[in-house]
Amino acid sequence: MVTNATSLTRSGLSDFIIQRVSALILGLYTICITGFLLLTPDLDYATWVAFHGGTWMQLFSTLAVLALAAHAWIGMWTVGTDYIREHYFGQRATVFRSIYMVICAGVLFVFVAWSLQIFWRL
């Protein structure tokens, strides 16, 4: 039973807030990109590069990538803890879940690192 719903001590509230805030950021990013595409009839490569080359867009893109990674991590953690358990996998569930989480973390790390390299030309 949750006795303090406002504590962010892994009671589920922090995950809920992260999911909602990251969804809001991703929604705003989608609106921004869609708006640019709709309002730029003569879109070419140079215009696209100039749009994404601005510091504000690089920061917004970085924020969107981090939001996507946080959103995905919580989703994948939930799937792992809900479905990779002893009921389905027996005594090896903890090993399978650990392997699954390491793979998920690795994939998200590569995604974030690669995105930062692209956005910031590292």
PDB file of N, CA and C in Angstrom:
ATOM      1  N   MET A   1       0.836  -1.179   0.000  1.00  0.00           N
ATOM      2  CA  MET A   1       0.000   0.000   0.000  1.00  0.00           C
ATOM      3  C   MET A   1       0.881   1.242   0.000  1.00  0.00           C
ATOM      4  N   VAL A   2       0.571   2.187  -0.846  1.00  0.00           N
ATOM      5  CA  VAL A   2       1.322   3.433  -0.916  1.00  0.00           C
ATOM      6  C   VAL A   2       0.825   4.349   0.192  1.00  0.00           C
ATOM      7  N   THR A   3       1.733   4.747   1.073  1.00  0.00           N
ATOM      8  CA  THR A   3       1.343   5.614   2.178  1.00  0.00           C
ATOM      9  C   THR A   3       1.636   7.079   1.901  1.00  0.00           C
ATOM     10  N   ASN A   4       2.553   7.341   0.983  1.00  0.00           N
ATOM     11  CA  ASN A   4       2.893   8.714   0.657  1.00  0.00           C
ATOM     12  C   ASN A   4       2.962   8.834  -0.855  1.00  0.00           C
ATOM     13  N   ALA A   5       1.908   9.284  -1.461  1.00  0.00           N
ATOM     14  CA  ALA A   5       1.819   9.318  -2.922  1.00  0.00           C
ATOM     15  C   ALA A   5       2.697  10.385  -3.550  1.00  0.00           C
ATOM     16  N   THR A   6       3.183  11.320  -2.743  1.00  0.00           N
ATOM     17  CA  THR A   6       4.005  12.384  -3.316  1.00  0.00           C
ATOM     18  C   THR A   6       5.493  12.098  -3.244  1.00  0.00           C
ATOM     19  N   SER A   7       5.892  11.021  -2.602  1.00  0.00           N
ATOM     20  CA  SER A   7       7.322  10.711  -2.542  1.00  0.00           C
ATOM     21  C   SER A   7       7.749  10.089  -3.869  1.00  0.00           C
ATOM     22  N   LEU A   8       8.902  10.488  -4.316  1.00  0.00           N
ATOM     23  CA  LEU A   8       9.426   9.982  -5.587  1.00  0.00           C
ATOM     24  C   LEU A   8      10.409   8.846  -5.329  1.00  0.00           C
ATOM     25  N   THR A   9      10.097   7.983  -4.396  1.00  0.00           N
ATOM     26  CA  THR A   9      10.991   6.893  -4.018  1.00  0.00           C
ATOM     27  C   THR A   9      10.559   5.590  -4.669  1.00  0.00           C
ATOM     28  N   ARG A  10      10.468   5.593  -5.955  1.00  0.00           N
ATOM     29  CA  ARG A  10      10.170   4.400  -6.745  1.00  0.00           C
ATOM     30  C   ARG A  10       8.844   3.748  -6.364  1.00  0.00           C
ATOM     31  N   SER A  11       7.856   4.566  -6.000  1.00  0.00           N
ATOM     32  CA  SER A  11       6.544   4.036  -5.695  1.00  0.00           C
ATOM     33  C   SER A  11       5.711   3.918  -6.966  1.00  0.00           C
ATOM     34  N   GLY A  12       6.261   4.274  -8.071  1.00  0.00           N
ATOM     35  CA  GLY A  12       5.535   4.276  -9.328  1.00  0.00           C
ATOM     36  C   GLY A  12       5.200   5.683  -9.770  1.00  0.00           C
ATOM     37  N   LEU A  13       5.163   6.609  -8.841  1.00  0.00           N
ATOM     38  CA  LEU A  13       4.836   7.989  -9.173  1.00  0.00           C
ATOM     39  C   LEU A  13       5.919   8.620 -10.048  1.00  0.00           C
ATOM     40  N   SER A  14       7.177   8.349  -9.724  1.00  0.00           N
ATOM     41  CA  SER A  14       8.257   8.938 -10.523  1.00  0.00           C
ATOM     42  C   SER A  14       8.205   8.418 -11.957  1.00  0.00           C
ATOM     43  N   ASP A  15       7.937   7.131 -12.132  1.00  0.00           N
ATOM     44  CA  ASP A  15       7.811   6.577 -13.482  1.00  0.00           C
ATOM     45  C   ASP A  15       6.642   7.214 -14.215  1.00  0.00           C
ATOM     46  N   PHE A  16       5.535   7.393 -13.520  1.00  0.00           N
ATOM     47  CA  PHE A  16       4.354   8.021 -14.108  1.00  0.00           C
ATOM     48  C   PHE A  16       4.672   9.435 -14.584  1.00  0.00           C
ATOM     49  N   ILE A  17       5.354  10.201 -13.735  1.00  0.00           N
ATOM     50  CA  ILE A  17       5.689  11.581 -14.088  1.00  0.00           C
ATOM     51  C   ILE A  17       6.668  11.615 -15.253  1.00  0.00           C
ATOM     52  N   ILE A  18       7.694  10.764 -15.225  1.00  0.00           N
ATOM     53  CA  ILE A  18       8.670  10.720 -16.323  1.00  0.00           C
ATOM     54  C   ILE A  18       7.983  10.355 -17.630  1.00  0.00           C
ATOM     55  N   GLN A  19       7.082   9.378 -17.597  1.00  0.00           N
ATOM     56  CA  GLN A  19       6.366   8.975 -18.811  1.00  0.00           C
ATOM     57  C   GLN A  19       5.539  10.135 -19.360  1.00  0.00           C
ATOM     58  N   ARG A  20       4.846  10.865 -18.491  1.00  0.00           N
ATOM     59  CA  ARG A  20       3.989  11.956 -18.947  1.00  0.00           C
ATOM     60  C   ARG A  20       4.798  13.142 -19.464  1.00  0.00           C
ATOM     61  N   VAL A  21       5.859  13.503 -18.751  1.00  0.00           N
ATOM     62  CA  VAL A  21       6.692  14.631 -19.189  1.00  0.00           C
ATOM     63  C   VAL A  21       7.403  14.293 -20.492  1.00  0.00           C
ATOM     64  N   SER A  22       7.928  13.076 -20.604  1.00  0.00           N
ATOM     65  CA  SER A  22       8.619  12.690 -21.842  1.00  0.00           C
ATOM     66  C   SER A  22       7.633  12.626 -23.007  1.00  0.00           C
ATOM     67  N   ALA A  23       6.409  12.175 -22.760  1.00  0.00           N
ATOM     68  CA  ALA A  23       5.399  12.158 -23.823  1.00  0.00           C
ATOM     69  C   ALA A  23       5.060  13.581 -24.261  1.00  0.00           C
ATOM     70  N   LEU A  24       4.994  14.512 -23.318  1.00  0.00           N
ATOM     71  CA  LEU A  24       4.729  15.908 -23.659  1.00  0.00           C
ATOM     72  C   LEU A  24       5.859  16.483 -24.517  1.00  0.00           C
ATOM     73  N   ILE A  25       7.102  16.220 -24.122  1.00  0.00           N
ATOM     74  CA  ILE A  25       8.253  16.707 -24.896  1.00  0.00           C
ATOM     75  C   ILE A  25       8.236  16.122 -26.302  1.00  0.00           C
ATOM     76  N   LEU A  26       7.976  14.827 -26.420  1.00  0.00           N
ATOM     77  CA  LEU A  26       7.941  14.185 -27.739  1.00  0.00           C
ATOM     78  C   LEU A  26       6.783  14.707 -28.580  1.00  0.00           C
ATOM     79  N   GLY A  27       5.663  15.005 -27.949  1.00  0.00           N
ATOM     80  CA  GLY A  27       4.542  15.594 -28.676  1.00  0.00           C
ATOM     81  C   GLY A  27       4.877  16.976 -29.209  1.00  0.00           C
ATOM     82  N   LEU A  28       5.505  17.798 -28.374  1.00  0.00           N
ATOM     83  CA  LEU A  28       5.919  19.134 -28.817  1.00  0.00           C
ATOM     84  C   LEU A  28       6.956  19.059 -29.937  1.00  0.00           C
ATOM     85  N   TYR A  29       7.864  18.111 -29.832  1.00  0.00           N
ATOM     86  CA  TYR A  29       8.878  17.934 -30.877  1.00  0.00           C
ATOM     87  C   TYR A  29       8.221  17.523 -32.198  1.00  0.00           C
ATOM     88  N   THR A  30       7.253  16.630 -32.106  1.00  0.00           N
ATOM     89  CA  THR A  30       6.526  16.195 -33.308  1.00  0.00           C
ATOM     90  C   THR A  30       5.776  17.360 -33.939  1.00  0.00           C
ATOM     91  N   ILE A  31       5.138  18.183 -33.120  1.00  0.00           N
ATOM     92  CA  ILE A  31       4.426  19.356 -33.631  1.00  0.00           C
ATOM     93  C   ILE A  31       5.408  20.318 -34.301  1.00  0.00           C
ATOM     94  N   CYS A  32       6.572  20.509 -33.693  1.00  0.00           N
ATOM     95  CA  CYS A  32       7.594  21.401 -34.257  1.00  0.00           C
ATOM     96  C   CYS A  32       8.059  20.911 -35.629  1.00  0.00           C
ATOM     97  N   ILE A  33       8.407  19.644 -35.723  1.00  0.00           N
ATOM     98  CA  ILE A  33       8.886  19.092 -36.996  1.00  0.00           C
ATOM     99  C   ILE A  33       7.769  19.115 -38.045  1.00  0.00           C
ATOM    100  N   THR A  34       6.572  18.711 -37.652  1.00  0.00           N
ATOM    101  CA  THR A  34       5.436  18.701 -38.588  1.00  0.00           C
ATOM    102  C   THR A  34       5.123  20.110 -39.064  1.00  0.00           C
ATOM    103  N   GLY A  35       5.133  21.068 -38.134  1.00  0.00           N
ATOM    104  CA  GLY A  35       4.892  22.461 -38.508  1.00  0.00           C
ATOM    105  C   GLY A  35       5.931  22.963 -39.493  1.00  0.00           C
ATOM    106  N   PHE A  36       7.191  22.645 -39.251  1.00  0.00           N
ATOM    107  CA  PHE A  36       8.251  23.061 -40.176  1.00  0.00           C
ATOM    108  C   PHE A  36       8.033  22.452 -41.558  1.00  0.00           C
ATOM    109  N   LEU A  37       7.708  21.179 -41.599  1.00  0.00           N
ATOM    110  CA  LEU A  37       7.487  20.513 -42.889  1.00  0.00           C
ATOM    111  C   LEU A  37       6.290  21.098 -43.633  1.00  0.00           C
ATOM    112  N   LEU A  38       5.237  21.447 -42.912  1.00  0.00           N
ATOM    113  CA  LEU A  38       4.040  22.006 -43.550  1.00  0.00           C
ATOM    114  C   LEU A  38       4.232  23.456 -43.982  1.00  0.00           C
ATOM    115  N   LEU A  39       5.050  24.195 -43.250  1.00  0.00           N
ATOM    116  CA  LEU A  39       5.234  25.613 -43.537  1.00  0.00           C
ATOM    117  C   LEU A  39       6.416  25.912 -44.446  1.00  0.00           C
ATOM    118  N   THR A  40       7.121  24.879 -44.886  1.00  0.00           N
ATOM    119  CA  THR A  40       8.267  25.068 -45.773  1.00  0.00           C
ATOM    120  C   THR A  40       7.997  24.333 -47.083  1.00  0.00           C
ATOM    121  N   PRO A  41       7.336  25.018 -48.038  1.00  0.00           N
ATOM    122  CA  PRO A  41       6.969  24.333 -49.278  1.00  0.00           C
ATOM    123  C   PRO A  41       8.169  23.986 -50.166  1.00  0.00           C
ATOM    124  N   ASP A  42       9.203  24.808 -50.144  1.00  0.00           N
ATOM    125  CA  ASP A  42      10.389  24.557 -50.970  1.00  0.00           C
ATOM    126  C   ASP A  42      11.491  23.923 -50.134  1.00  0.00           C
ATOM    127  N   LEU A  43      11.181  22.821 -49.526  1.00  0.00           N
ATOM    128  CA  LEU A  43      12.141  22.175 -48.643  1.00  0.00           C
ATOM    129  C   LEU A  43      13.205  21.451 -49.452  1.00  0.00           C
ATOM    130  N   ASP A  44      14.448  21.779 -49.150  1.00  0.00           N
ATOM    131  CA  ASP A  44      15.565  21.070 -49.755  1.00  0.00           C
ATOM    132  C   ASP A  44      16.573  20.723 -48.650  1.00  0.00           C
ATOM    133  N   TYR A  45      17.609  20.059 -49.025  1.00  0.00           N
ATOM    134  CA  TYR A  45      18.592  19.590 -48.047  1.00  0.00           C
ATOM    135  C   TYR A  45      19.220  20.751 -47.277  1.00  0.00           C
ATOM    136  N   ALA A  46      19.556  21.826 -47.972  1.00  0.00           N
ATOM    137  CA  ALA A  46      20.206  22.964 -47.321  1.00  0.00           C
ATOM    138  C   ALA A  46      19.284  23.589 -46.271  1.00  0.00           C
ATOM    139  N   THR A  47      18.000  23.700 -46.574  1.00  0.00           N
ATOM    140  CA  THR A  47      17.035  24.250 -45.620  1.00  0.00           C
ATOM    141  C   THR A  47      16.893  23.338 -44.407  1.00  0.00           C
ATOM    142  N   TRP A  48      16.838  22.043 -44.667  1.00  0.00           N
ATOM    143  CA  TRP A  48      16.714  21.065 -43.583  1.00  0.00           C
ATOM    144  C   TRP A  48      17.936  21.117 -42.671  1.00  0.00           C
ATOM    145  N   VAL A  49      19.132  21.189 -43.243  1.00  0.00           N
ATOM    146  CA  VAL A  49      20.363  21.261 -42.456  1.00  0.00           C
ATOM    147  C   VAL A  49      20.414  22.563 -41.673  1.00  0.00           C
ATOM    148  N   ALA A  50      19.999  23.658 -42.288  1.00  0.00           N
ATOM    149  CA  ALA A  50      19.990  24.942 -41.589  1.00  0.00           C
ATOM    150  C   ALA A  50      19.014  24.918 -40.410  1.00  0.00           C
ATOM    151  N   PHE A  51      17.865  24.302 -40.601  1.00  0.00           N
ATOM    152  CA  PHE A  51      16.871  24.186 -39.536  1.00  0.00           C
ATOM    153  C   PHE A  51      17.424  23.389 -38.360  1.00  0.00           C
ATOM    154  N   HIS A  52      18.034  22.276 -38.639  1.00  0.00           N
ATOM    155  CA  HIS A  52      18.579  21.430 -37.576  1.00  0.00           C
ATOM    156  C   HIS A  52      19.941  21.903 -37.079  1.00  0.00           C
ATOM    157  N   GLY A  53      20.575  22.827 -37.794  1.00  0.00           N
ATOM    158  CA  GLY A  53      21.886  23.324 -37.393  1.00  0.00           C
ATOM    159  C   GLY A  53      21.831  24.404 -36.341  1.00  0.00           C
ATOM    160  N   GLY A  54      20.652  24.984 -36.144  1.00  0.00           N
ATOM    161  CA  GLY A  54      20.515  26.009 -35.109  1.00  0.00           C
ATOM    162  C   GLY A  54      20.670  25.411 -33.717  1.00  0.00           C
ATOM    163  N   THR A  55      21.267  26.189 -32.823  1.00  0.00           N
ATOM    164  CA  THR A  55      21.519  25.689 -31.471  1.00  0.00           C
ATOM    165  C   THR A  55      20.229  25.307 -30.761  1.00  0.00           C
ATOM    166  N   TRP A  56      19.180  26.099 -30.936  1.00  0.00           N
ATOM    167  CA  TRP A  56      17.915  25.792 -30.256  1.00  0.00           C
ATOM    168  C   TRP A  56      17.335  24.472 -30.735  1.00  0.00           C
ATOM    169  N   MET A  57      17.483  24.177 -32.026  1.00  0.00           N
ATOM    170  CA  MET A  57      16.956  22.917 -32.545  1.00  0.00           C
ATOM    171  C   MET A  57      17.832  21.744 -32.106  1.00  0.00           C
ATOM    172  N   GLN A  58      19.133  21.966 -32.016  1.00  0.00           N
ATOM    173  CA  GLN A  58      20.014  20.917 -31.504  1.00  0.00           C
ATOM    174  C   GLN A  58      19.666  20.590 -30.053  1.00  0.00           C
ATOM    175  N   LEU A  59      19.421  21.621 -29.250  1.00  0.00           N
ATOM    176  CA  LEU A  59      19.036  21.400 -27.859  1.00  0.00           C
ATOM    177  C   LEU A  59      17.683  20.695 -27.759  1.00  0.00           C
ATOM    178  N   PHE A  60      16.727  21.138 -28.578  1.00  0.00           N
ATOM    179  CA  PHE A  60      15.397  20.529 -28.567  1.00  0.00           C
ATOM    180  C   PHE A  60      15.471  19.080 -29.039  1.00  0.00           C
ATOM    181  N   SER A  61      16.274  18.803 -30.047  1.00  0.00           N
ATOM    182  CA  SER A  61      16.441  17.432 -30.533  1.00  0.00           C
ATOM    183  C   SER A  61      17.103  16.554 -29.473  1.00  0.00           C
ATOM    184  N   THR A  62      18.109  17.097 -28.782  1.00  0.00           N
ATOM    185  CA  THR A  62      18.760  16.362 -27.708  1.00  0.00           C
ATOM    186  C   THR A  62      17.773  16.064 -26.589  1.00  0.00           C
ATOM    187  N   LEU A  63      16.972  17.052 -26.226  1.00  0.00           N
ATOM    188  CA  LEU A  63      15.949  16.851 -25.198  1.00  0.00           C
ATOM    189  C   LEU A  63      14.952  15.780 -25.627  1.00  0.00           C
ATOM    190  N   ALA A  64      14.563  15.796 -26.906  1.00  0.00           N
ATOM    191  CA  ALA A  64      13.624  14.792 -27.417  1.00  0.00           C
ATOM    192  C   ALA A  64      14.234  13.390 -27.390  1.00  0.00           C
ATOM    193  N   VAL A  65      15.497  13.274 -27.733  1.00  0.00           N
ATOM    194  CA  VAL A  65      16.167  11.964 -27.696  1.00  0.00           C
ATOM    195  C   VAL A  65      16.262  11.454 -26.263  1.00  0.00           C
ATOM    196  N   LEU A  66      16.614  12.326 -25.327  1.00  0.00           N
ATOM    197  CA  LEU A  66      16.687  11.914 -23.924  1.00  0.00           C
ATOM    198  C   LEU A  66      15.307  11.545 -23.381  1.00  0.00           C
ATOM    199  N   ALA A  67      14.293  12.289 -23.797  1.00  0.00           N
ATOM    200  CA  ALA A  67      12.919  11.969 -23.394  1.00  0.00           C
ATOM    201  C   ALA A  67      12.490  10.617 -23.956  1.00  0.00           C
ATOM    202  N   LEU A  68      12.833  10.364 -25.210  1.00  0.00           N
ATOM    203  CA  LEU A  68      12.493   9.082 -25.821  1.00  0.00           C
ATOM    204  C   LEU A  68      13.204   7.931 -25.108  1.00  0.00           C
ATOM    205  N   ALA A  69      14.464   8.146 -24.760  1.00  0.00           N
ATOM    206  CA  ALA A  69      15.219   7.107 -24.056  1.00  0.00           C
ATOM    207  C   ALA A  69      14.620   6.837 -22.672  1.00  0.00           C
ATOM    208  N   ALA A  70      14.253   7.878 -21.950  1.00  0.00           N
ATOM    209  CA  ALA A  70      13.641   7.699 -20.630  1.00  0.00           C
ATOM    210  C   ALA A  70      12.295   7.004 -20.753  1.00  0.00           C
ATOM    211  N   HIS A  71      11.503   7.422 -21.716  1.00  0.00           N
ATOM    212  CA  HIS A  71      10.188   6.827 -21.951  1.00  0.00           C
ATOM    213  C   HIS A  71      10.332   5.343 -22.311  1.00  0.00           C
ATOM    214  N   ALA A  72      11.272   5.052 -23.183  1.00  0.00           N
ATOM    215  CA  ALA A  72      11.499   3.669 -23.606  1.00  0.00           C
ATOM    216  C   ALA A  72      12.026   2.819 -22.450  1.00  0.00           C
ATOM    217  N   TRP A  73      12.932   3.369 -21.659  1.00  0.00           N
ATOM    218  CA  TRP A  73      13.490   2.601 -20.551  1.00  0.00           C
ATOM    219  C   TRP A  73      12.396   2.177 -19.567  1.00  0.00           C
ATOM    220  N   ILE A  74      11.535   3.097 -19.204  1.00  0.00           N
ATOM    221  CA  ILE A  74      10.459   2.758 -18.271  1.00  0.00           C
ATOM    222  C   ILE A  74       9.537   1.715 -18.883  1.00  0.00           C
ATOM    223  N   GLY A  75       9.220   1.862 -20.155  1.00  0.00           N
ATOM    224  CA  GLY A  75       8.380   0.873 -20.820  1.00  0.00           C
ATOM    225  C   GLY A  75       9.027  -0.498 -20.873  1.00  0.00           C
ATOM    226  N   MET A  76      10.307  -0.545 -21.228  1.00  0.00           N
ATOM    227  CA  MET A  76      11.001  -1.829 -21.325  1.00  0.00           C
ATOM    228  C   MET A  76      11.230  -2.448 -19.946  1.00  0.00           C
ATOM    229  N   TRP A  77      11.490  -1.617 -18.931  1.00  0.00           N
ATOM    230  CA  TRP A  77      11.629  -2.114 -17.575  1.00  0.00           C
ATOM    231  C   TRP A  77      10.310  -2.729 -17.104  1.00  0.00           C
ATOM    232  N   THR A  78       9.209  -2.067 -17.426  1.00  0.00           N
ATOM    233  CA  THR A  78       7.894  -2.584 -17.044  1.00  0.00           C
ATOM    234  C   THR A  78       7.607  -3.919 -17.719  1.00  0.00           C
ATOM    235  N   VAL A  79       7.907  -4.011 -18.998  1.00  0.00           N
ATOM    236  CA  VAL A  79       7.705  -5.274 -19.715  1.00  0.00           C
ATOM    237  C   VAL A  79       8.582  -6.365 -19.111  1.00  0.00           C
ATOM    238  N   GLY A  80       9.826  -6.033 -18.836  1.00  0.00           N
ATOM    239  CA  GLY A  80      10.742  -7.021 -18.267  1.00  0.00           C
ATOM    240  C   GLY A  80      10.297  -7.531 -16.914  1.00  0.00           C
ATOM    241  N   THR A  81       9.869  -6.623 -16.045  1.00  0.00           N
ATOM    242  CA  THR A  81       9.463  -7.048 -14.717  1.00  0.00           C
ATOM    243  C   THR A  81       8.082  -7.696 -14.705  1.00  0.00           C
ATOM    244  N   ASP A  82       7.238  -7.362 -15.660  1.00  0.00           N
ATOM    245  CA  ASP A  82       5.902  -7.966 -15.718  1.00  0.00           C
ATOM    246  C   ASP A  82       5.894  -9.344 -16.370  1.00  0.00           C
ATOM    247  N   TYR A  83       6.722  -9.535 -17.374  1.00  0.00           N
ATOM    248  CA  TYR A  83       6.623 -10.760 -18.166  1.00  0.00           C
ATOM    249  C   TYR A  83       7.797 -11.726 -18.033  1.00  0.00           C
ATOM    250  N   ILE A  84       8.926 -11.252 -17.582  1.00  0.00           N
ATOM    251  CA  ILE A  84      10.061 -12.161 -17.387  1.00  0.00           C
ATOM    252  C   ILE A  84      10.136 -12.451 -15.896  1.00  0.00           C
ATOM    253  N   ARG A  85       9.351 -13.409 -15.467  1.00  0.00           N
ATOM    254  CA  ARG A  85       9.274 -13.757 -14.053  1.00  0.00           C
ATOM    255  C   ARG A  85       9.191 -15.270 -13.894  1.00  0.00           C
ATOM    256  N   GLU A  86       9.303 -15.709 -12.674  1.00  0.00           N
ATOM    257  CA  GLU A  86       9.373 -17.143 -12.404  1.00  0.00           C
ATOM    258  C   GLU A  86       8.162 -17.912 -12.898  1.00  0.00           C
ATOM    259  N   HIS A  87       7.019 -17.270 -12.889  1.00  0.00           N
ATOM    260  CA  HIS A  87       5.801 -17.943 -13.349  1.00  0.00           C
ATOM    261  C   HIS A  87       5.948 -18.468 -14.779  1.00  0.00           C
ATOM    262  N   TYR A  88       6.662 -17.707 -15.611  1.00  0.00           N
ATOM    263  CA  TYR A  88       6.834 -18.081 -17.017  1.00  0.00           C
ATOM    264  C   TYR A  88       8.167 -18.773 -17.292  1.00  0.00           C
ATOM    265  N   PHE A  89       9.237 -18.366 -16.605  1.00  0.00           N
ATOM    266  CA  PHE A  89      10.581 -18.827 -16.941  1.00  0.00           C
ATOM    267  C   PHE A  89      11.227 -19.706 -15.880  1.00  0.00           C
ATOM    268  N   GLY A  90      10.552 -19.938 -14.791  1.00  0.00           N
ATOM    269  CA  GLY A  90      11.122 -20.785 -13.753  1.00  0.00           C
ATOM    270  C   GLY A  90      12.226 -20.092 -12.983  1.00  0.00           C
ATOM    271  N   GLN A  91      13.172 -20.877 -12.483  1.00  0.00           N
ATOM    272  CA  GLN A  91      14.237 -20.354 -11.632  1.00  0.00           C
ATOM    273  C   GLN A  91      15.216 -19.457 -12.383  1.00  0.00           C
ATOM    274  N   ARG A  92      15.225 -19.536 -13.679  1.00  0.00           N
ATOM    275  CA  ARG A  92      16.172 -18.723 -14.466  1.00  0.00           C
ATOM    276  C   ARG A  92      15.604 -17.357 -14.846  1.00  0.00           C
ATOM    277  N   ALA A  93      14.460 -17.007 -14.320  1.00  0.00           N
ATOM    278  CA  ALA A  93      13.820 -15.741 -14.676  1.00  0.00           C
ATOM    279  C   ALA A  93      14.707 -14.544 -14.355  1.00  0.00           C
ATOM    280  N   THR A  94      15.369 -14.573 -13.218  1.00  0.00           N
ATOM    281  CA  THR A  94      16.224 -13.454 -12.831  1.00  0.00           C
ATOM    282  C   THR A  94      17.385 -13.294 -13.806  1.00  0.00           C
ATOM    283  N   VAL A  95      17.950 -14.394 -14.239  1.00  0.00           N
ATOM    284  CA  VAL A  95      19.050 -14.347 -15.211  1.00  0.00           C
ATOM    285  C   VAL A  95      18.542 -13.787 -16.538  1.00  0.00           C
ATOM    286  N   PHE A  96      17.412 -14.290 -17.021  1.00  0.00           N
ATOM    287  CA  PHE A  96      16.844 -13.801 -18.286  1.00  0.00           C
ATOM    288  C   PHE A  96      16.495 -12.317 -18.195  1.00  0.00           C
ATOM    289  N   ARG A  97      15.900 -11.928 -17.070  1.00  0.00           N
ATOM    290  CA  ARG A  97      15.514 -10.519 -16.891  1.00  0.00           C
ATOM    291  C   ARG A  97      16.754  -9.631 -16.853  1.00  0.00           C
ATOM    292  N   SER A  98      17.805 -10.091 -16.200  1.00  0.00           N
ATOM    293  CA  SER A  98      19.046  -9.310 -16.139  1.00  0.00           C
ATOM    294  C   SER A  98      19.658  -9.151 -17.524  1.00  0.00           C
ATOM    295  N   ILE A  99      19.691 -10.222 -18.274  1.00  0.00           N
ATOM    296  CA  ILE A  99      20.221 -10.155 -19.646  1.00  0.00           C
ATOM    297  C   ILE A  99      19.376  -9.203 -20.489  1.00  0.00           C
ATOM    298  N   TYR A 100      18.060  -9.324 -20.373  1.00  0.00           N
ATOM    299  CA  TYR A 100      17.140  -8.441 -21.105  1.00  0.00           C
ATOM    300  C   TYR A 100      17.402  -6.981 -20.758  1.00  0.00           C
ATOM    301  N   MET A 101      17.564  -6.667 -19.459  1.00  0.00           N
ATOM    302  CA  MET A 101      17.772  -5.284 -19.042  1.00  0.00           C
ATOM    303  C   MET A 101      19.122  -4.737 -19.519  1.00  0.00           C
ATOM    304  N   VAL A 102      20.150  -5.575 -19.489  1.00  0.00           N
ATOM    305  CA  VAL A 102      21.463  -5.147 -19.986  1.00  0.00           C
ATOM    306  C   VAL A 102      21.400  -4.856 -21.479  1.00  0.00           C
ATOM    307  N   ILE A 103      20.711  -5.715 -22.233  1.00  0.00           N
ATOM    308  CA  ILE A 103      20.557  -5.480 -23.678  1.00  0.00           C
ATOM    309  C   ILE A 103      19.780  -4.197 -23.933  1.00  0.00           C
ATOM    310  N   CYS A 104      18.695  -3.996 -23.194  1.00  0.00           N
ATOM    311  CA  CYS A 104      17.898  -2.770 -23.359  1.00  0.00           C
ATOM    312  C   CYS A 104      18.726  -1.534 -23.042  1.00  0.00           C
ATOM    313  N   ALA A 105      19.466  -1.569 -21.945  1.00  0.00           N
ATOM    314  CA  ALA A 105      20.305  -0.430 -21.575  1.00  0.00           C
ATOM    315  C   ALA A 105      21.378  -0.183 -22.630  1.00  0.00           C
ATOM    316  N   GLY A 106      21.966  -1.241 -23.161  1.00  0.00           N
ATOM    317  CA  GLY A 106      22.976  -1.099 -24.208  1.00  0.00           C
ATOM    318  C   GLY A 106      22.413  -0.481 -25.480  1.00  0.00           C
ATOM    319  N   VAL A 107      21.260  -0.946 -25.883  1.00  0.00           N
ATOM    320  CA  VAL A 107      20.621  -0.402 -27.091  1.00  0.00           C
ATOM    321  C   VAL A 107      20.284   1.077 -26.887  1.00  0.00           C
ATOM    322  N   LEU A 108      19.743   1.415 -25.723  1.00  0.00           N
ATOM    323  CA  LEU A 108      19.413   2.823 -25.459  1.00  0.00           C
ATOM    324  C   LEU A 108      20.670   3.685 -25.385  1.00  0.00           C
ATOM    325  N   PHE A 109      21.740   3.162 -24.814  1.00  0.00           N
ATOM    326  CA  PHE A 109      22.989   3.913 -24.765  1.00  0.00           C
ATOM    327  C   PHE A 109      23.505   4.202 -26.172  1.00  0.00           C
ATOM    328  N   VAL A 110      23.500   3.190 -27.026  1.00  0.00           N
ATOM    329  CA  VAL A 110      23.954   3.376 -28.413  1.00  0.00           C
ATOM    330  C   VAL A 110      23.064   4.390 -29.125  1.00  0.00           C
ATOM    331  N   PHE A 111      21.749   4.287 -28.924  1.00  0.00           N
ATOM    332  CA  PHE A 111      20.807   5.225 -29.540  1.00  0.00           C
ATOM    333  C   PHE A 111      21.099   6.667 -29.120  1.00  0.00           C
ATOM    334  N   VAL A 112      21.281   6.891 -27.821  1.00  0.00           N
ATOM    335  CA  VAL A 112      21.540   8.245 -27.328  1.00  0.00           C
ATOM    336  C   VAL A 112      22.906   8.739 -27.809  1.00  0.00           C
ATOM    337  N   ALA A 113      23.931   7.904 -27.711  1.00  0.00           N
ATOM    338  CA  ALA A 113      25.277   8.309 -28.139  1.00  0.00           C
ATOM    339  C   ALA A 113      25.312   8.639 -29.626  1.00  0.00           C
ATOM    340  N   TRP A 114      24.677   7.800 -30.426  1.00  0.00           N
ATOM    341  CA  TRP A 114      24.658   8.027 -31.868  1.00  0.00           C
ATOM    342  C   TRP A 114      23.882   9.302 -32.191  1.00  0.00           C
ATOM    343  N   SER A 115      22.776   9.521 -31.523  1.00  0.00           N
ATOM    344  CA  SER A 115      21.988  10.725 -31.750  1.00  0.00           C
ATOM    345  C   SER A 115      22.775  11.983 -31.391  1.00  0.00           C
ATOM    346  N   LEU A 116      23.460  11.942 -30.257  1.00  0.00           N
ATOM    347  CA  LEU A 116      24.276  13.096 -29.872  1.00  0.00           C
ATOM    348  C   LEU A 116      25.388  13.355 -30.875  1.00  0.00           C
ATOM    349  N   GLN A 117      25.959  12.284 -31.377  1.00  0.00           N
ATOM    350  CA  GLN A 117      27.002  12.431 -32.394  1.00  0.00           C
ATOM    351  C   GLN A 117      26.434  13.102 -33.650  1.00  0.00           C
ATOM    352  N   ILE A 118      25.255  12.715 -34.047  1.00  0.00           N
ATOM    353  CA  ILE A 118      24.639  13.294 -35.240  1.00  0.00           C
ATOM    354  C   ILE A 118      24.255  14.741 -34.999  1.00  0.00           C
ATOM    355  N   PHE A 119      23.586  15.035 -33.889  1.00  0.00           N
ATOM    356  CA  PHE A 119      23.095  16.393 -33.630  1.00  0.00           C
ATOM    357  C   PHE A 119      24.210  17.393 -33.366  1.00  0.00           C
ATOM    358  N   TRP A 120      25.246  16.956 -32.690  1.00  0.00           N
ATOM    359  CA  TRP A 120      26.300  17.867 -32.299  1.00  0.00           C
ATOM    360  C   TRP A 120      27.584  17.688 -33.118  1.00  0.00           C
ATOM    361  N   ARG A 121      27.521  16.838 -34.138  1.00  0.00           N
ATOM    362  CA  ARG A 121      28.641  16.601 -35.059  1.00  0.00           C
ATOM    363  C   ARG A 121      29.924  16.260 -34.293  1.00  0.00           C
ATOM    364  N   LEU A 122      29.799  15.304 -33.386  1.00  0.00           N
ATOM    365  CA  LEU A 122      30.957  14.905 -32.557  1.00  0.00           C
ATOM    366  C   LEU A 122      31.847  13.938 -33.291  1.00  0.00           C
TER     367      LEU A 122
END
